[in-house]
Amino acid sequence: MLREFATRIRKSIRGIDLAARYGGEEFVIVMPETDLHVAGIIAEQLRRSIANEPFSIEEGTKRIEVTISVGISMLEKKSEPVADVLKRADQALYRAKHDGRNRVVVADAA
C-alpha cells in the first residue's frame, strides 16, 4: 500500500517538487517557488486521487478506501527555520483532522 501511495503522490506533484516520508504515517512535500494557492490546488488534487480510488491489498484480493488530511504552510522568510514551517504545517494538519479529516487546511501566517 505504501508503494501505491507513493505512486499517487508522484503523479500528483510536479517534477520540481520533492516528496518524502516524514514519520510513520506522515509525508512532507516540498514545493519550491510555489504560493499557497497553487500548493492548495496540488494538495486537493492529491487528496482526491487518494480518496477516489480504493487501494488494493493482500495481492489485490481486497480493496480499502483511504483518505488523507493535509496541512500546508509556506516559508515566510528565507531566514525562517524549517522547523517553524513544519510546525505550522503540523498545526494545520491537526486542524484538518479535528475538523473531520479528508481535507486540506492552510496554516496561518507566521
PDB file of N, CA and C in Angstrom:
ATOM      1  N   MET A   1       0.819  -1.184   0.000  1.00  0.00           N
ATOM      2  CA  MET A   1       0.000   0.000   0.000  1.00  0.00           C
ATOM      3  C   MET A   1       0.872   1.261   0.000  1.00  0.00           C
ATOM      4  N   LEU A   2       1.983   1.208   0.694  1.00  0.00           N
ATOM      5  CA  LEU A   2       2.886   2.355   0.742  1.00  0.00           C
ATOM      6  C   LEU A   2       3.423   2.690  -0.649  1.00  0.00           C
ATOM      7  N   ARG A   3       3.733   1.675  -1.426  1.00  0.00           N
ATOM      8  CA  ARG A   3       4.227   1.917  -2.795  1.00  0.00           C
ATOM      9  C   ARG A   3       3.161   2.589  -3.651  1.00  0.00           C
ATOM     10  N   GLU A   4       1.935   2.105  -3.541  1.00  0.00           N
ATOM     11  CA  GLU A   4       0.836   2.698  -4.303  1.00  0.00           C
ATOM     12  C   GLU A   4       0.613   4.147  -3.881  1.00  0.00           C
ATOM     13  N   PHE A   5       0.705   4.399  -2.584  1.00  0.00           N
ATOM     14  CA  PHE A   5       0.555   5.762  -2.078  1.00  0.00           C
ATOM     15  C   PHE A   5       1.644   6.660  -2.668  1.00  0.00           C
ATOM     16  N   ALA A   6       2.871   6.172  -2.669  1.00  0.00           N
ATOM     17  CA  ALA A   6       3.992   6.938  -3.231  1.00  0.00           C
ATOM     18  C   ALA A   6       3.783   7.204  -4.719  1.00  0.00           C
ATOM     19  N   THR A   7       3.266   6.230  -5.435  1.00  0.00           N
ATOM     20  CA  THR A   7       2.984   6.403  -6.862  1.00  0.00           C
ATOM     21  C   THR A   7       1.951   7.499  -7.076  1.00  0.00           C
ATOM     22  N   ARG A   8       0.922   7.504  -6.261  1.00  0.00           N
ATOM     23  CA  ARG A   8      -0.116   8.529  -6.402  1.00  0.00           C
ATOM     24  C   ARG A   8       0.426   9.915  -6.063  1.00  0.00           C
ATOM     25  N   ILE A   9       1.299   9.977  -5.085  1.00  0.00           N
ATOM     26  CA  ILE A   9       1.932  11.266  -4.779  1.00  0.00           C
ATOM     27  C   ILE A   9       2.726  11.738  -5.989  1.00  0.00           C
ATOM     28  N   ARG A  10       3.561  10.854  -6.542  1.00  0.00           N
ATOM     29  CA  ARG A  10       4.395  11.227  -7.697  1.00  0.00           C
ATOM     30  C   ARG A  10       3.544  11.737  -8.857  1.00  0.00           C
ATOM     31  N   LYS A  11       2.391  11.110  -9.086  1.00  0.00           N
ATOM     32  CA  LYS A  11       1.525  11.512 -10.195  1.00  0.00           C
ATOM     33  C   LYS A  11       0.830  12.846  -9.933  1.00  0.00           C
ATOM     34  N   SER A  12       0.730  13.234  -8.677  1.00  0.00           N
ATOM     35  CA  SER A  12       0.005  14.454  -8.322  1.00  0.00           C
ATOM     36  C   SER A  12       0.893  15.685  -8.199  1.00  0.00           C
ATOM     37  N   ILE A  13       2.193  15.485  -8.033  1.00  0.00           N
ATOM     38  CA  ILE A  13       3.079  16.632  -7.847  1.00  0.00           C
ATOM     39  C   ILE A  13       3.858  16.920  -9.125  1.00  0.00           C
ATOM     40  N   ARG A  14       4.522  18.050  -9.120  1.00  0.00           N
ATOM     41  CA  ARG A  14       5.287  18.468 -10.298  1.00  0.00           C
ATOM     42  C   ARG A  14       6.709  17.922 -10.241  1.00  0.00           C
ATOM     43  N   GLY A  15       7.397  17.984 -11.348  1.00  0.00           N
ATOM     44  CA  GLY A  15       8.765  17.486 -11.419  1.00  0.00           C
ATOM     45  C   GLY A  15       9.732  18.195 -10.489  1.00  0.00           C
ATOM     46  N   ILE A  16       9.474  19.457 -10.172  1.00  0.00           N
ATOM     47  CA  ILE A  16      10.373  20.212  -9.290  1.00  0.00           C
ATOM     48  C   ILE A  16      10.096  19.965  -7.808  1.00  0.00           C
ATOM     49  N   ASP A  17       8.990  19.307  -7.498  1.00  0.00           N
ATOM     50  CA  ASP A  17       8.616  19.062  -6.102  1.00  0.00           C
ATOM     51  C   ASP A  17       9.343  17.841  -5.555  1.00  0.00           C
ATOM     52  N   LEU A  18       9.466  17.801  -4.245  1.00  0.00           N
ATOM     53  CA  LEU A  18      10.134  16.688  -3.572  1.00  0.00           C
ATOM     54  C   LEU A  18       9.205  16.124  -2.508  1.00  0.00           C
ATOM     55  N   ALA A  19       8.935  14.832  -2.570  1.00  0.00           N
ATOM     56  CA  ALA A  19       8.096  14.166  -1.571  1.00  0.00           C
ATOM     57  C   ALA A  19       8.949  13.187  -0.785  1.00  0.00           C
ATOM     58  N   ALA A  20       8.706  13.131   0.523  1.00  0.00           N
ATOM     59  CA  ALA A  20       9.461  12.214   1.381  1.00  0.00           C
ATOM     60  C   ALA A  20       8.595  11.785   2.557  1.00  0.00           C
ATOM     61  N   ARG A  21       8.844  10.584   3.012  1.00  0.00           N
ATOM     62  CA  ARG A  21       8.166  10.110   4.219  1.00  0.00           C
ATOM     63  C   ARG A  21       8.760  10.847   5.409  1.00  0.00           C
ATOM     64  N   TYR A  22       7.884  11.274   6.320  1.00  0.00           N
ATOM     65  CA  TYR A  22       8.320  12.097   7.442  1.00  0.00           C
ATOM     66  C   TYR A  22       7.762  11.514   8.738  1.00  0.00           C
ATOM     67  N   GLY A  23       7.964  10.250   8.925  1.00  0.00           N
ATOM     68  CA  GLY A  23       7.427   9.577  10.105  1.00  0.00           C
ATOM     69  C   GLY A  23       6.583   8.399   9.677  1.00  0.00           C
ATOM     70  N   GLY A  24       5.941   7.795  10.629  1.00  0.00           N
ATOM     71  CA  GLY A  24       5.159   6.594  10.366  1.00  0.00           C
ATOM     72  C   GLY A  24       4.108   6.760   9.291  1.00  0.00           C
ATOM     73  N   GLU A  25       3.194   7.699   9.494  1.00  0.00           N
ATOM     74  CA  GLU A  25       2.101   7.895   8.546  1.00  0.00           C
ATOM     75  C   GLU A  25       2.087   9.307   7.975  1.00  0.00           C
ATOM     76  N   GLU A  26       3.184  10.003   8.095  1.00  0.00           N
ATOM     77  CA  GLU A  26       3.232  11.377   7.608  1.00  0.00           C
ATOM     78  C   GLU A  26       4.245  11.513   6.479  1.00  0.00           C
ATOM     79  N   PHE A  27       3.907  12.396   5.558  1.00  0.00           N
ATOM     80  CA  PHE A  27       4.772  12.704   4.431  1.00  0.00           C
ATOM     81  C   PHE A  27       4.915  14.214   4.351  1.00  0.00           C
ATOM     82  N   VAL A  28       6.009  14.652   3.775  1.00  0.00           N
ATOM     83  CA  VAL A  28       6.209  16.074   3.521  1.00  0.00           C
ATOM     84  C   VAL A  28       6.472  16.232   2.026  1.00  0.00           C
ATOM     85  N   ILE A  29       5.891  17.273   1.457  1.00  0.00           N
ATOM     86  CA  ILE A  29       6.139  17.591   0.053  1.00  0.00           C
ATOM     87  C   ILE A  29       6.665  19.019   0.007  1.00  0.00           C
ATOM     88  N   VAL A  30       7.851  19.181  -0.523  1.00  0.00           N
ATOM     89  CA  VAL A  30       8.463  20.500  -0.669  1.00  0.00           C
ATOM     90  C   VAL A  30       8.162  20.982  -2.083  1.00  0.00           C
ATOM     91  N   MET A  31       7.584  22.178  -2.176  1.00  0.00           N
ATOM     92  CA  MET A  31       7.181  22.741  -3.465  1.00  0.00           C
ATOM     93  C   MET A  31       7.886  24.080  -3.667  1.00  0.00           C
ATOM     94  N   PRO A  32       9.066  24.055  -4.289  1.00  0.00           N
ATOM     95  CA  PRO A  32       9.819  25.301  -4.483  1.00  0.00           C
ATOM     96  C   PRO A  32       9.058  26.306  -5.348  1.00  0.00           C
ATOM     97  N   GLU A  33       9.268  27.585  -5.044  1.00  0.00           N
ATOM     98  CA  GLU A  33       8.699  28.671  -5.855  1.00  0.00           C
ATOM     99  C   GLU A  33       7.193  28.502  -6.061  1.00  0.00           C
ATOM    100  N   THR A  34       6.478  28.148  -4.995  1.00  0.00           N
ATOM    101  CA  THR A  34       5.047  27.881  -5.090  1.00  0.00           C
ATOM    102  C   THR A  34       4.307  28.690  -4.036  1.00  0.00           C
ATOM    103  N   ASP A  35       3.257  29.399  -4.457  1.00  0.00           N
ATOM    104  CA  ASP A  35       2.475  30.136  -3.471  1.00  0.00           C
ATOM    105  C   ASP A  35       1.430  29.208  -2.837  1.00  0.00           C
ATOM    106  N   LEU A  36       0.785  29.698  -1.799  1.00  0.00           N
ATOM    107  CA  LEU A  36      -0.173  28.865  -1.066  1.00  0.00           C
ATOM    108  C   LEU A  36      -1.356  28.446  -1.926  1.00  0.00           C
ATOM    109  N   HIS A  37      -1.777  29.307  -2.838  1.00  0.00           N
ATOM    110  CA  HIS A  37      -2.909  28.967  -3.702  1.00  0.00           C
ATOM    111  C   HIS A  37      -2.591  27.745  -4.565  1.00  0.00           C
ATOM    112  N   VAL A  38      -1.456  27.778  -5.238  1.00  0.00           N
ATOM    113  CA  VAL A  38      -1.060  26.651  -6.098  1.00  0.00           C
ATOM    114  C   VAL A  38      -0.814  25.399  -5.258  1.00  0.00           C
ATOM    115  N   ALA A  39      -0.161  25.560  -4.111  1.00  0.00           N
ATOM    116  CA  ALA A  39       0.065  24.408  -3.225  1.00  0.00           C
ATOM    117  C   ALA A  39      -1.262  23.790  -2.807  1.00  0.00           C
ATOM    118  N   GLY A  40      -2.250  24.625  -2.535  1.00  0.00           N
ATOM    119  CA  GLY A  40      -3.572  24.125  -2.162  1.00  0.00           C
ATOM    120  C   GLY A  40      -4.237  23.349  -3.280  1.00  0.00           C
ATOM    121  N   ILE A  41      -4.099  23.838  -4.502  1.00  0.00           N
ATOM    122  CA  ILE A  41      -4.670  23.133  -5.658  1.00  0.00           C
ATOM    123  C   ILE A  41      -4.020  21.764  -5.816  1.00  0.00           C
ATOM    124  N   ILE A  42      -2.708  21.716  -5.736  1.00  0.00           N
ATOM    125  CA  ILE A  42      -1.987  20.444  -5.878  1.00  0.00           C
ATOM    126  C   ILE A  42      -2.359  19.494  -4.746  1.00  0.00           C
ATOM    127  N   ALA A  43      -2.432  20.013  -3.524  1.00  0.00           N
ATOM    128  CA  ALA A  43      -2.797  19.172  -2.375  1.00  0.00           C
ATOM    129  C   ALA A  43      -4.205  18.621  -2.530  1.00  0.00           C
ATOM    130  N   GLU A  44      -5.123  19.433  -3.026  1.00  0.00           N
ATOM    131  CA  GLU A  44      -6.502  18.968  -3.227  1.00  0.00           C
ATOM    132  C   GLU A  44      -6.556  17.892  -4.307  1.00  0.00           C
ATOM    133  N   GLN A  45      -5.774  18.048  -5.373  1.00  0.00           N
ATOM    134  CA  GLN A  45      -5.714  17.009  -6.408  1.00  0.00           C
ATOM    135  C   GLN A  45      -5.197  15.700  -5.819  1.00  0.00           C
ATOM    136  N   LEU A  46      -4.183  15.790  -4.977  1.00  0.00           N
ATOM    137  CA  LEU A  46      -3.643  14.598  -4.323  1.00  0.00           C
ATOM    138  C   LEU A  46      -4.691  13.974  -3.408  1.00  0.00           C
ATOM    139  N   ARG A  47      -5.356  14.800  -2.606  1.00  0.00           N
ATOM    140  CA  ARG A  47      -6.379  14.291  -1.693  1.00  0.00           C
ATOM    141  C   ARG A  47      -7.456  13.529  -2.466  1.00  0.00           C
ATOM    142  N   ARG A  48      -7.890  14.093  -3.576  1.00  0.00           N
ATOM    143  CA  ARG A  48      -8.919  13.425  -4.392  1.00  0.00           C
ATOM    144  C   ARG A  48      -8.400  12.132  -5.010  1.00  0.00           C
ATOM    145  N   SER A  49      -7.155  12.136  -5.471  1.00  0.00           N
ATOM    146  CA  SER A  49      -6.613  10.921  -6.102  1.00  0.00           C
ATOM    147  C   SER A  49      -6.527   9.772  -5.104  1.00  0.00           C
ATOM    148  N   ILE A  50      -6.325  10.097  -3.840  1.00  0.00           N
ATOM    149  CA  ILE A  50      -6.282   9.068  -2.802  1.00  0.00           C
ATOM    150  C   ILE A  50      -7.696   8.616  -2.461  1.00  0.00           C
ATOM    151  N   ALA A  51      -8.595   9.568  -2.243  1.00  0.00           N
ATOM    152  CA  ALA A  51      -9.949   9.252  -1.779  1.00  0.00           C
ATOM    153  C   ALA A  51     -10.818   8.596  -2.847  1.00  0.00           C
ATOM    154  N   ASN A  52     -10.594   8.917  -4.104  1.00  0.00           N
ATOM    155  CA  ASN A  52     -11.494   8.452  -5.163  1.00  0.00           C
ATOM    156  C   ASN A  52     -11.190   7.065  -5.703  1.00  0.00           C
ATOM    157  N   GLU A  53     -10.072   6.494  -5.346  1.00  0.00           N
ATOM    158  CA  GLU A  53      -9.707   5.171  -5.867  1.00  0.00           C
ATOM    159  C   GLU A  53      -9.222   4.291  -4.727  1.00  0.00           C
ATOM    160  N   PRO A  54     -10.007   3.274  -4.348  1.00  0.00           N
ATOM    161  CA  PRO A  54      -9.579   2.385  -3.251  1.00  0.00           C
ATOM    162  C   PRO A  54      -8.229   1.735  -3.544  1.00  0.00           C
ATOM    163  N   PHE A  55      -7.518   1.402  -2.484  1.00  0.00           N
ATOM    164  CA  PHE A  55      -6.221   0.742  -2.585  1.00  0.00           C
ATOM    165  C   PHE A  55      -6.419  -0.769  -2.570  1.00  0.00           C
ATOM    166  N   SER A  56      -5.654  -1.467  -3.395  1.00  0.00           N
ATOM    167  CA  SER A  56      -5.669  -2.932  -3.388  1.00  0.00           C
ATOM    168  C   SER A  56      -4.677  -3.428  -2.355  1.00  0.00           C
ATOM    169  N   ILE A  57      -5.100  -4.408  -1.565  1.00  0.00           N
ATOM    170  CA  ILE A  57      -4.215  -5.029  -0.581  1.00  0.00           C
ATOM    171  C   ILE A  57      -4.338  -6.539  -0.691  1.00  0.00           C
ATOM    172  N   GLU A  58      -3.485  -7.224   0.030  1.00  0.00           N
ATOM    173  CA  GLU A  58      -3.462  -8.690   0.029  1.00  0.00           C
ATOM    174  C   GLU A  58      -3.455  -9.237  -1.391  1.00  0.00           C
ATOM    175  N   GLU A  59      -2.457  -8.780  -2.141  1.00  0.00           N
ATOM    176  CA  GLU A  59      -2.237  -9.215  -3.522  1.00  0.00           C
ATOM    177  C   GLU A  59      -3.451  -8.978  -4.411  1.00  0.00           C
ATOM    178  N   GLY A  60      -4.144  -7.871  -4.149  1.00  0.00           N
ATOM    179  CA  GLY A  60      -5.270  -7.485  -4.985  1.00  0.00           C
ATOM    180  C   GLY A  60      -6.587  -8.144  -4.649  1.00  0.00           C
ATOM    181  N   THR A  61      -6.615  -8.966  -3.612  1.00  0.00           N
ATOM    182  CA  THR A  61      -7.860  -9.663  -3.270  1.00  0.00           C
ATOM    183  C   THR A  61      -8.820  -8.796  -2.467  1.00  0.00           C
ATOM    184  N   LYS A  62      -8.318  -7.725  -1.873  1.00  0.00           N
ATOM    185  CA  LYS A  62      -9.165  -6.810  -1.106  1.00  0.00           C
ATOM    186  C   LYS A  62      -8.864  -5.380  -1.515  1.00  0.00           C
ATOM    187  N   ARG A  63      -9.871  -4.544  -1.351  1.00  0.00           N
ATOM    188  CA  ARG A  63      -9.701  -3.122  -1.632  1.00  0.00           C
ATOM    189  C   ARG A  63     -10.175  -2.340  -0.414  1.00  0.00           C
ATOM    190  N   ILE A  64      -9.395  -1.324  -0.049  1.00  0.00           N
ATOM    191  CA  ILE A  64      -9.788  -0.491   1.082  1.00  0.00           C
ATOM    192  C   ILE A  64      -9.806   0.975   0.660  1.00  0.00           C
ATOM    193  N   GLU A  65     -10.740   1.701   1.233  1.00  0.00           N
ATOM    194  CA  GLU A  65     -10.818   3.127   0.971  1.00  0.00           C
ATOM    195  C   GLU A  65      -9.887   3.859   1.930  1.00  0.00           C
ATOM    196  N   VAL A  66      -9.152   4.807   1.401  1.00  0.00           N
ATOM    197  CA  VAL A  66      -8.180   5.570   2.184  1.00  0.00           C
ATOM    198  C   VAL A  66      -8.437   7.053   1.933  1.00  0.00           C
ATOM    199  N   THR A  67      -8.303   7.851   2.973  1.00  0.00           N
ATOM    200  CA  THR A  67      -8.368   9.301   2.821  1.00  0.00           C
ATOM    201  C   THR A  67      -7.126   9.908   3.461  1.00  0.00           C
ATOM    202  N   ILE A  68      -6.848  11.141   3.103  1.00  0.00           N
ATOM    203  CA  ILE A  68      -5.726  11.848   3.721  1.00  0.00           C
ATOM    204  C   ILE A  68      -6.186  13.222   4.193  1.00  0.00           C
ATOM    205  N   SER A  69      -5.509  13.703   5.196  1.00  0.00           N
ATOM    206  CA  SER A  69      -5.662  15.077   5.658  1.00  0.00           C
ATOM    207  C   SER A  69      -4.344  15.775   5.366  1.00  0.00           C
ATOM    208  N   VAL A  70      -4.427  17.041   4.947  1.00  0.00           N
ATOM    209  CA  VAL A  70      -3.230  17.761   4.527  1.00  0.00           C
ATOM    210  C   VAL A  70      -3.136  19.094   5.256  1.00  0.00           C
ATOM    211  N   GLY A  71      -1.954  19.390   5.769  1.00  0.00           N
ATOM    212  CA  GLY A  71      -1.656  20.700   6.340  1.00  0.00           C
ATOM    213  C   GLY A  71      -0.611  21.376   5.479  1.00  0.00           C
ATOM    214  N   ILE A  72      -0.868  22.620   5.096  1.00  0.00           N
ATOM    215  CA  ILE A  72       0.044  23.355   4.212  1.00  0.00           C
ATOM    216  C   ILE A  72       0.589  24.576   4.944  1.00  0.00           C
ATOM    217  N   SER A  73       1.884  24.784   4.827  1.00  0.00           N
ATOM    218  CA  SER A  73       2.485  26.029   5.312  1.00  0.00           C
ATOM    219  C   SER A  73       3.516  26.491   4.290  1.00  0.00           C
ATOM    220  N   MET A  74       3.935  27.724   4.458  1.00  0.00           N
ATOM    221  CA  MET A  74       4.849  28.322   3.489  1.00  0.00           C
ATOM    222  C   MET A  74       6.024  28.970   4.212  1.00  0.00           C
ATOM    223  N   LEU A  75       7.184  28.848   3.621  1.00  0.00           N
ATOM    224  CA  LEU A  75       8.367  29.532   4.138  1.00  0.00           C
ATOM    225  C   LEU A  75       8.141  31.032   3.966  1.00  0.00           C
ATOM    226  N   GLU A  76       8.005  31.735   5.085  1.00  0.00           N
ATOM    227  CA  GLU A  76       7.681  33.164   5.038  1.00  0.00           C
ATOM    228  C   GLU A  76       8.901  34.013   4.684  1.00  0.00           C
ATOM    229  N   LYS A  77      10.046  33.668   5.257  1.00  0.00           N
ATOM    230  CA  LYS A  77      11.298  34.396   5.005  1.00  0.00           C
ATOM    231  C   LYS A  77      12.400  33.368   4.809  1.00  0.00           C
ATOM    232  N   LYS A  78      13.360  33.686   3.992  1.00  0.00           N
ATOM    233  CA  LYS A  78      14.456  32.742   3.763  1.00  0.00           C
ATOM    234  C   LYS A  78      15.205  32.416   5.037  1.00  0.00           C
ATOM    235  N   SER A  79      15.177  33.327   6.004  1.00  0.00           N
ATOM    236  CA  SER A  79      15.892  33.102   7.265  1.00  0.00           C
ATOM    237  C   SER A  79      15.069  32.299   8.279  1.00  0.00           C
ATOM    238  N   GLU A  80      13.827  31.996   7.935  1.00  0.00           N
ATOM    239  CA  GLU A  80      12.959  31.270   8.865  1.00  0.00           C
ATOM    240  C   GLU A  80      13.434  29.823   9.028  1.00  0.00           C
ATOM    241  N   PRO A  81      13.509  29.346  10.255  1.00  0.00           N
ATOM    242  CA  PRO A  81      13.903  27.942  10.459  1.00  0.00           C
ATOM    243  C   PRO A  81      12.880  26.976   9.848  1.00  0.00           C
ATOM    244  N   VAL A  82      13.374  25.952   9.191  1.00  0.00           N
ATOM    245  CA  VAL A  82      12.499  24.951   8.587  1.00  0.00           C
ATOM    246  C   VAL A  82      11.602  24.316   9.644  1.00  0.00           C
ATOM    247  N   ALA A  83      12.115  24.166  10.858  1.00  0.00           N
ATOM    248  CA  ALA A  83      11.316  23.583  11.944  1.00  0.00           C
ATOM    249  C   ALA A  83      10.048  24.396  12.194  1.00  0.00           C
ATOM    250  N   ASP A  84      10.121  25.711  12.032  1.00  0.00           N
ATOM    251  CA  ASP A  84       8.938  26.558  12.220  1.00  0.00           C
ATOM    252  C   ASP A  84       7.908  26.320  11.118  1.00  0.00           C
ATOM    253  N   VAL A  85       8.382  26.160   9.891  1.00  0.00           N
ATOM    254  CA  VAL A  85       7.487  25.888   8.761  1.00  0.00           C
ATOM    255  C   VAL A  85       6.790  24.547   8.977  1.00  0.00           C
ATOM    256  N   LEU A  86       7.559  23.542   9.378  1.00  0.00           N
ATOM    257  CA  LEU A  86       6.983  22.219   9.627  1.00  0.00           C
ATOM    258  C   LEU A  86       6.001  22.247  10.792  1.00  0.00           C
ATOM    259  N   LYS A  87       6.295  23.040  11.806  1.00  0.00           N
ATOM    260  CA  LYS A  87       5.393  23.143  12.956  1.00  0.00           C
ATOM    261  C   LYS A  87       4.045  23.726  12.528  1.00  0.00           C
ATOM    262  N   ARG A  88       4.069  24.766  11.696  1.00  0.00           N
ATOM    263  CA  ARG A  88       2.812  25.349  11.209  1.00  0.00           C
ATOM    264  C   ARG A  88       2.052  24.357  10.334  1.00  0.00           C
ATOM    265  N   ALA A  89       2.765  23.608   9.505  1.00  0.00           N
ATOM    266  CA  ALA A  89       2.105  22.587   8.684  1.00  0.00           C
ATOM    267  C   ALA A  89       1.472  21.529   9.572  1.00  0.00           C
ATOM    268  N   ASP A  90       2.171  21.142  10.630  1.00  0.00           N
ATOM    269  CA  ASP A  90       1.643  20.147  11.558  1.00  0.00           C
ATOM    270  C   ASP A  90       0.401  20.676  12.277  1.00  0.00           C
ATOM    271  N   GLN A  91       0.409  21.948  12.643  1.00  0.00           N
ATOM    272  CA  GLN A  91      -0.768  22.549  13.278  1.00  0.00           C
ATOM    273  C   GLN A  91      -1.953  22.577  12.313  1.00  0.00           C
ATOM    274  N   ALA A  92      -1.690  22.874  11.043  1.00  0.00           N
ATOM    275  CA  ALA A  92      -2.753  22.858  10.035  1.00  0.00           C
ATOM    276  C   ALA A  92      -3.267  21.437   9.826  1.00  0.00           C
ATOM    277  N   LEU A  93      -2.365  20.468   9.842  1.00  0.00           N
ATOM    278  CA  LEU A  93      -2.764  19.066   9.725  1.00  0.00           C
ATOM    279  C   LEU A  93      -3.665  18.672  10.892  1.00  0.00           C
ATOM    280  N   TYR A  94      -3.306  19.100  12.094  1.00  0.00           N
ATOM    281  CA  TYR A  94      -4.124  18.811  13.268  1.00  0.00           C
ATOM    282  C   TYR A  94      -5.527  19.406  13.097  1.00  0.00           C
ATOM    283  N   ARG A  95      -5.593  20.647  12.583  1.00  0.00           N
ATOM    284  CA  ARG A  95      -6.908  21.264  12.352  1.00  0.00           C
ATOM    285  C   ARG A  95      -7.703  20.479  11.317  1.00  0.00           C
ATOM    286  N   ALA A  96      -7.034  20.002  10.266  1.00  0.00           N
ATOM    287  CA  ALA A  96      -7.720  19.207   9.243  1.00  0.00           C
ATOM    288  C   ALA A  96      -8.312  17.945   9.858  1.00  0.00           C
ATOM    289  N   LYS A  97      -7.550  17.291  10.701  1.00  0.00           N
ATOM    290  CA  LYS A  97      -8.046  16.081  11.361  1.00  0.00           C
ATOM    291  C   LYS A  97      -9.174  16.419  12.326  1.00  0.00           C
ATOM    292  N   HIS A  98      -9.003  17.488  13.087  1.00  0.00           N
ATOM    293  CA  HIS A  98     -10.004  17.903  14.072  1.00  0.00           C
ATOM    294  C   HIS A  98     -11.320  18.308  13.401  1.00  0.00           C
ATOM    295  N   ASP A  99     -11.224  18.898  12.215  1.00  0.00           N
ATOM    296  CA  ASP A  99     -12.410  19.381  11.504  1.00  0.00           C
ATOM    297  C   ASP A  99     -13.110  18.305  10.685  1.00  0.00           C
ATOM    298  N   GLY A 100     -12.688  17.062  10.815  1.00  0.00           N
ATOM    299  CA  GLY A 100     -13.396  15.975  10.152  1.00  0.00           C
ATOM    300  C   GLY A 100     -12.580  15.122   9.209  1.00  0.00           C
ATOM    301  N   ARG A 101     -11.303  15.395   9.075  1.00  0.00           N
ATOM    302  CA  ARG A 101     -10.410  14.606   8.218  1.00  0.00           C
ATOM    303  C   ARG A 101     -10.756  14.745   6.733  1.00  0.00           C
ATOM    304  N   ASN A 102      -9.930  14.118   5.903  1.00  0.00           N
ATOM    305  CA  ASN A 102     -10.128  14.112   4.449  1.00  0.00           C
ATOM    306  C   ASN A 102     -10.305  15.534   3.906  1.00  0.00           C
ATOM    307  N   ARG A 103      -9.379  16.415   4.295  1.00  0.00           N
ATOM    308  CA  ARG A 103      -9.447  17.798   3.842  1.00  0.00           C
ATOM    309  C   ARG A 103      -8.060  18.426   3.820  1.00  0.00           C
ATOM    310  N   VAL A 104      -7.981  19.571   3.169  1.00  0.00           N
ATOM    311  CA  VAL A 104      -6.745  20.343   3.073  1.00  0.00           C
ATOM    312  C   VAL A 104      -6.931  21.626   3.880  1.00  0.00           C
ATOM    313  N   VAL A 105      -5.988  21.923   4.767  1.00  0.00           N
ATOM    314  CA  VAL A 105      -6.041  23.142   5.575  1.00  0.00           C
ATOM    315  C   VAL A 105      -4.722  23.895   5.410  1.00  0.00           C
ATOM    316  N   VAL A 106      -4.823  25.194   5.167  1.00  0.00           N
ATOM    317  CA  VAL A 106      -3.648  26.052   5.035  1.00  0.00           C
ATOM    318  C   VAL A 106      -3.349  26.682   6.390  1.00  0.00           C
ATOM    319  N   ALA A 107      -2.088  26.644   6.781  1.00  0.00           N
ATOM    320  CA  ALA A 107      -1.664  27.201   8.069  1.00  0.00           C
ATOM    321  C   ALA A 107      -1.786  28.715   8.073  1.00  0.00           C
ATOM    322  N   ASP A 108      -1.970  29.248   9.269  1.00  0.00           N
ATOM    323  CA  ASP A 108      -1.940  30.698   9.450  1.00  0.00           C
ATOM    324  C   ASP A 108      -0.521  31.192   9.188  1.00  0.00           C
ATOM    325  N   ALA A 109      -0.401  32.439   8.786  1.00  0.00           N
ATOM    326  CA  ALA A 109       0.922  33.027   8.546  1.00  0.00           C
ATOM    327  C   ALA A 109       1.710  33.097   9.846  1.00  0.00           C
ATOM    328  N   ALA A 110       3.028  33.108   9.705  1.00  0.00           N
ATOM    329  CA  ALA A 110       3.912  33.159  10.883  1.00  0.00           C
ATOM    330  C   ALA A 110       3.742  34.451  11.642  1.00  0.00           C
TER     331      ALA A 110
END
